[in-house]
Amino acid sequence: MVKYLNIAQIIVSSNLIVLVFLQSRGRSAGSMLGGGGDSVFRTRRGVEKIMFRLTLAVIVLFFAMSVASVLLQS
């Protein structure tokens, strides 16, 4: 059971990395890693809003799988 959970966690983490990179597609590499000078607030619309919500859902799933993995191993 733990083996399958670890494999699923690797897949979810890979998807999370891809989603984060896709969201920062129109920005410079410095802003992708936390830097950047543009601090203008924008409202997310359309595909950008869907990707943002999907990223949040994948983060919650990854966190839940991490907690489950720790609980099952002990």
N, C-alpha and C. Protein backbone atom coordinates (compact mmCIF):
# COMPACT_ATOMS: atom_id res chain seq x y z
N MET A 1 0.82 -1.19 0.00
CA MET A 1 0.00 0.00 0.00
C MET A 1 0.87 1.26 0.00
N VAL A 2 1.90 1.27 0.84
CA VAL A 2 2.77 2.44 0.94
C VAL A 2 3.55 2.63 -0.37
N LYS A 3 3.90 1.51 -1.02
CA LYS A 3 4.63 1.59 -2.28
C LYS A 3 3.80 2.31 -3.34
N TYR A 4 2.53 1.97 -3.45
CA TYR A 4 1.64 2.60 -4.42
C TYR A 4 1.39 4.06 -4.07
N LEU A 5 1.31 4.36 -2.79
CA LEU A 5 1.13 5.73 -2.35
C LEU A 5 2.35 6.58 -2.71
N ASN A 6 3.53 6.02 -2.56
CA ASN A 6 4.76 6.75 -2.92
C ASN A 6 4.84 7.00 -4.42
N ILE A 7 4.44 6.03 -5.22
CA ILE A 7 4.43 6.20 -6.67
C ILE A 7 3.42 7.27 -7.07
N ALA A 8 2.25 7.24 -6.47
CA ALA A 8 1.24 8.26 -6.76
C ALA A 8 1.71 9.64 -6.33
N GLN A 9 2.44 9.71 -5.24
CA GLN A 9 2.96 10.98 -4.75
C GLN A 9 4.01 11.55 -5.72
N ILE A 10 4.81 10.71 -6.31
CA ILE A 10 5.78 11.16 -7.31
C ILE A 10 5.07 11.72 -8.53
N ILE A 11 4.01 11.04 -8.97
CA ILE A 11 3.24 11.50 -10.13
C ILE A 11 2.58 12.85 -9.83
N VAL A 12 1.98 12.98 -8.65
CA VAL A 12 1.32 14.23 -8.27
C VAL A 12 2.33 15.36 -8.16
N SER A 13 3.50 15.08 -7.60
CA SER A 13 4.51 16.14 -7.48
C SER A 13 5.02 16.58 -8.84
N SER A 14 5.15 15.65 -9.77
CA SER A 14 5.57 16.01 -11.13
C SER A 14 4.53 16.90 -11.80
N ASN A 15 3.27 16.57 -11.62
CA ASN A 15 2.20 17.39 -12.17
C ASN A 15 2.19 18.78 -11.54
N LEU A 16 2.47 18.85 -10.26
CA LEU A 16 2.52 20.13 -9.57
C LEU A 16 3.64 21.01 -10.12
N ILE A 17 4.79 20.42 -10.38
CA ILE A 17 5.91 21.17 -10.95
C ILE A 17 5.54 21.71 -12.33
N VAL A 18 4.90 20.89 -13.14
CA VAL A 18 4.50 21.32 -14.49
C VAL A 18 3.48 22.46 -14.40
N LEU A 19 2.52 22.35 -13.50
CA LEU A 19 1.52 23.41 -13.35
C LEU A 19 2.14 24.73 -12.92
N VAL A 20 3.10 24.68 -12.02
CA VAL A 20 3.75 25.91 -11.57
C VAL A 20 4.54 26.54 -12.71
N PHE A 21 5.24 25.73 -13.49
CA PHE A 21 6.00 26.27 -14.62
C PHE A 21 5.07 26.84 -15.69
N LEU A 22 3.93 26.21 -15.92
CA LEU A 22 2.98 26.73 -16.91
C LEU A 22 2.39 28.06 -16.47
N GLN A 23 2.19 28.25 -15.18
CA GLN A 23 1.64 29.51 -14.70
C GLN A 23 2.63 30.65 -14.86
N SER A 24 3.90 30.37 -14.78
CA SER A 24 4.91 31.42 -14.89
C SER A 24 5.45 31.54 -16.31
N ARG A 25 4.72 31.05 -17.27
CA ARG A 25 5.17 31.01 -18.66
C ARG A 25 5.46 32.40 -19.23
N GLY A 26 4.65 33.38 -18.92
CA GLY A 26 4.82 34.71 -19.49
C GLY A 26 5.75 35.61 -18.70
N ARG A 27 6.40 35.10 -17.70
CA ARG A 27 7.27 35.92 -16.84
C ARG A 27 8.72 35.52 -17.03
N SER A 28 9.60 36.31 -16.47
CA SER A 28 11.02 36.00 -16.58
C SER A 28 11.39 34.87 -15.62
N ALA A 29 12.55 34.30 -15.81
CA ALA A 29 12.98 33.18 -14.96
C ALA A 29 13.20 33.63 -13.53
N GLY A 30 13.60 34.88 -13.32
CA GLY A 30 13.80 35.38 -11.96
C GLY A 30 12.51 35.45 -11.18
N SER A 31 11.44 35.87 -11.82
CA SER A 31 10.16 35.96 -11.11
C SER A 31 9.58 34.58 -10.84
N MET A 32 9.94 33.60 -11.67
CA MET A 32 9.47 32.24 -11.46
C MET A 32 10.05 31.65 -10.17
N LEU A 33 11.25 32.07 -9.83
CA LEU A 33 11.92 31.54 -8.66
C LEU A 33 11.78 32.43 -7.44
N GLY A 34 10.91 33.43 -7.50
CA GLY A 34 10.64 34.25 -6.32
C GLY A 34 11.06 35.69 -6.44
N GLY A 35 11.87 36.02 -7.41
CA GLY A 35 12.31 37.40 -7.57
C GLY A 35 11.37 38.15 -8.50
N GLY A 36 11.85 39.19 -9.08
CA GLY A 36 11.05 39.95 -10.04
C GLY A 36 10.59 41.26 -9.45
N GLY A 37 10.40 42.24 -10.31
CA GLY A 37 10.06 43.56 -9.84
C GLY A 37 8.61 43.95 -10.05
N ASP A 38 7.87 43.19 -10.83
CA ASP A 38 6.49 43.62 -11.07
C ASP A 38 5.58 43.11 -9.96
N SER A 39 5.10 44.02 -9.17
CA SER A 39 4.22 43.64 -8.06
C SER A 39 2.82 44.19 -8.29
N VAL A 40 2.40 44.23 -9.54
CA VAL A 40 1.07 44.71 -9.89
C VAL A 40 0.08 43.58 -9.70
N PHE A 41 -1.01 43.89 -9.00
CA PHE A 41 -2.03 42.89 -8.75
C PHE A 41 -2.94 42.78 -9.97
N ARG A 42 -3.17 41.57 -10.44
CA ARG A 42 -4.07 41.34 -11.56
C ARG A 42 -5.12 40.32 -11.17
N THR A 43 -6.28 40.43 -11.76
CA THR A 43 -7.33 39.44 -11.56
C THR A 43 -7.12 38.30 -12.55
N ARG A 44 -7.21 37.09 -12.06
CA ARG A 44 -7.06 35.93 -12.95
C ARG A 44 -8.37 35.69 -13.67
N ARG A 45 -8.27 35.40 -14.97
CA ARG A 45 -9.46 35.14 -15.76
C ARG A 45 -9.21 33.97 -16.70
N GLY A 46 -10.27 33.28 -17.04
CA GLY A 46 -10.21 32.23 -18.04
C GLY A 46 -9.35 31.05 -17.65
N VAL A 47 -8.46 30.69 -18.56
CA VAL A 47 -7.59 29.52 -18.37
C VAL A 47 -6.65 29.73 -17.19
N GLU A 48 -6.20 30.96 -17.00
CA GLU A 48 -5.30 31.25 -15.89
C GLU A 48 -5.97 30.97 -14.54
N LYS A 49 -7.25 31.29 -14.43
CA LYS A 49 -8.00 31.04 -13.20
C LYS A 49 -8.19 29.54 -12.97
N ILE A 50 -8.47 28.82 -14.04
CA ILE A 50 -8.65 27.36 -13.94
C ILE A 50 -7.34 26.70 -13.52
N MET A 51 -6.22 27.14 -14.11
CA MET A 51 -4.92 26.57 -13.75
C MET A 51 -4.56 26.89 -12.31
N PHE A 52 -4.90 28.08 -11.84
CA PHE A 52 -4.63 28.45 -10.46
C PHE A 52 -5.40 27.56 -9.50
N ARG A 53 -6.68 27.35 -9.77
CA ARG A 53 -7.49 26.49 -8.90
C ARG A 53 -7.04 25.03 -8.99
N LEU A 54 -6.64 24.58 -10.16
CA LEU A 54 -6.14 23.22 -10.32
C LEU A 54 -4.84 23.04 -9.54
N THR A 55 -3.99 24.06 -9.55
CA THR A 55 -2.75 24.01 -8.79
C THR A 55 -3.04 23.91 -7.30
N LEU A 56 -4.00 24.68 -6.82
CA LEU A 56 -4.37 24.59 -5.40
C LEU A 56 -4.90 23.20 -5.04
N ALA A 57 -5.70 22.62 -5.92
CA ALA A 57 -6.23 21.28 -5.67
C ALA A 57 -5.11 20.25 -5.64
N VAL A 58 -4.14 20.37 -6.53
CA VAL A 58 -3.02 19.42 -6.55
C VAL A 58 -2.15 19.59 -5.31
N ILE A 59 -2.00 20.84 -4.82
CA ILE A 59 -1.25 21.07 -3.59
C ILE A 59 -1.93 20.39 -2.41
N VAL A 60 -3.24 20.53 -2.31
CA VAL A 60 -3.98 19.89 -1.22
C VAL A 60 -3.88 18.38 -1.32
N LEU A 61 -3.99 17.83 -2.53
CA LEU A 61 -3.86 16.39 -2.73
C LEU A 61 -2.47 15.90 -2.34
N PHE A 62 -1.44 16.65 -2.73
CA PHE A 62 -0.07 16.28 -2.38
C PHE A 62 0.13 16.30 -0.87
N PHE A 63 -0.39 17.31 -0.20
CA PHE A 63 -0.27 17.40 1.25
C PHE A 63 -0.98 16.23 1.93
N ALA A 64 -2.19 15.91 1.47
CA ALA A 64 -2.94 14.80 2.06
C ALA A 64 -2.21 13.47 1.85
N MET A 65 -1.64 13.30 0.67
CA MET A 65 -0.91 12.06 0.40
C MET A 65 0.36 11.98 1.25
N SER A 66 1.00 13.11 1.50
CA SER A 66 2.20 13.11 2.34
C SER A 66 1.87 12.74 3.78
N VAL A 67 0.78 13.29 4.29
CA VAL A 67 0.35 12.96 5.65
C VAL A 67 -0.03 11.49 5.74
N ALA A 68 -0.76 11.00 4.74
CA ALA A 68 -1.15 9.58 4.73
C ALA A 68 0.07 8.67 4.66
N SER A 69 1.06 9.08 3.89
CA SER A 69 2.27 8.27 3.77
C SER A 69 3.00 8.18 5.12
N VAL A 70 3.08 9.29 5.82
CA VAL A 70 3.75 9.29 7.13
C VAL A 70 2.95 8.45 8.13
N LEU A 71 1.64 8.56 8.12
CA LEU A 71 0.82 7.81 9.06
C LEU A 71 0.86 6.31 8.79
N LEU A 72 0.93 5.92 7.53
CA LEU A 72 0.95 4.50 7.20
C LEU A 72 2.30 3.85 7.46
N GLN A 73 3.36 4.64 7.43
CA GLN A 73 4.69 4.07 7.66
C GLN A 73 4.99 3.83 9.13
N SER A 74 4.29 4.52 10.01
CA SER A 74 4.59 4.33 11.44
C SER A 74 3.65 3.38 12.12
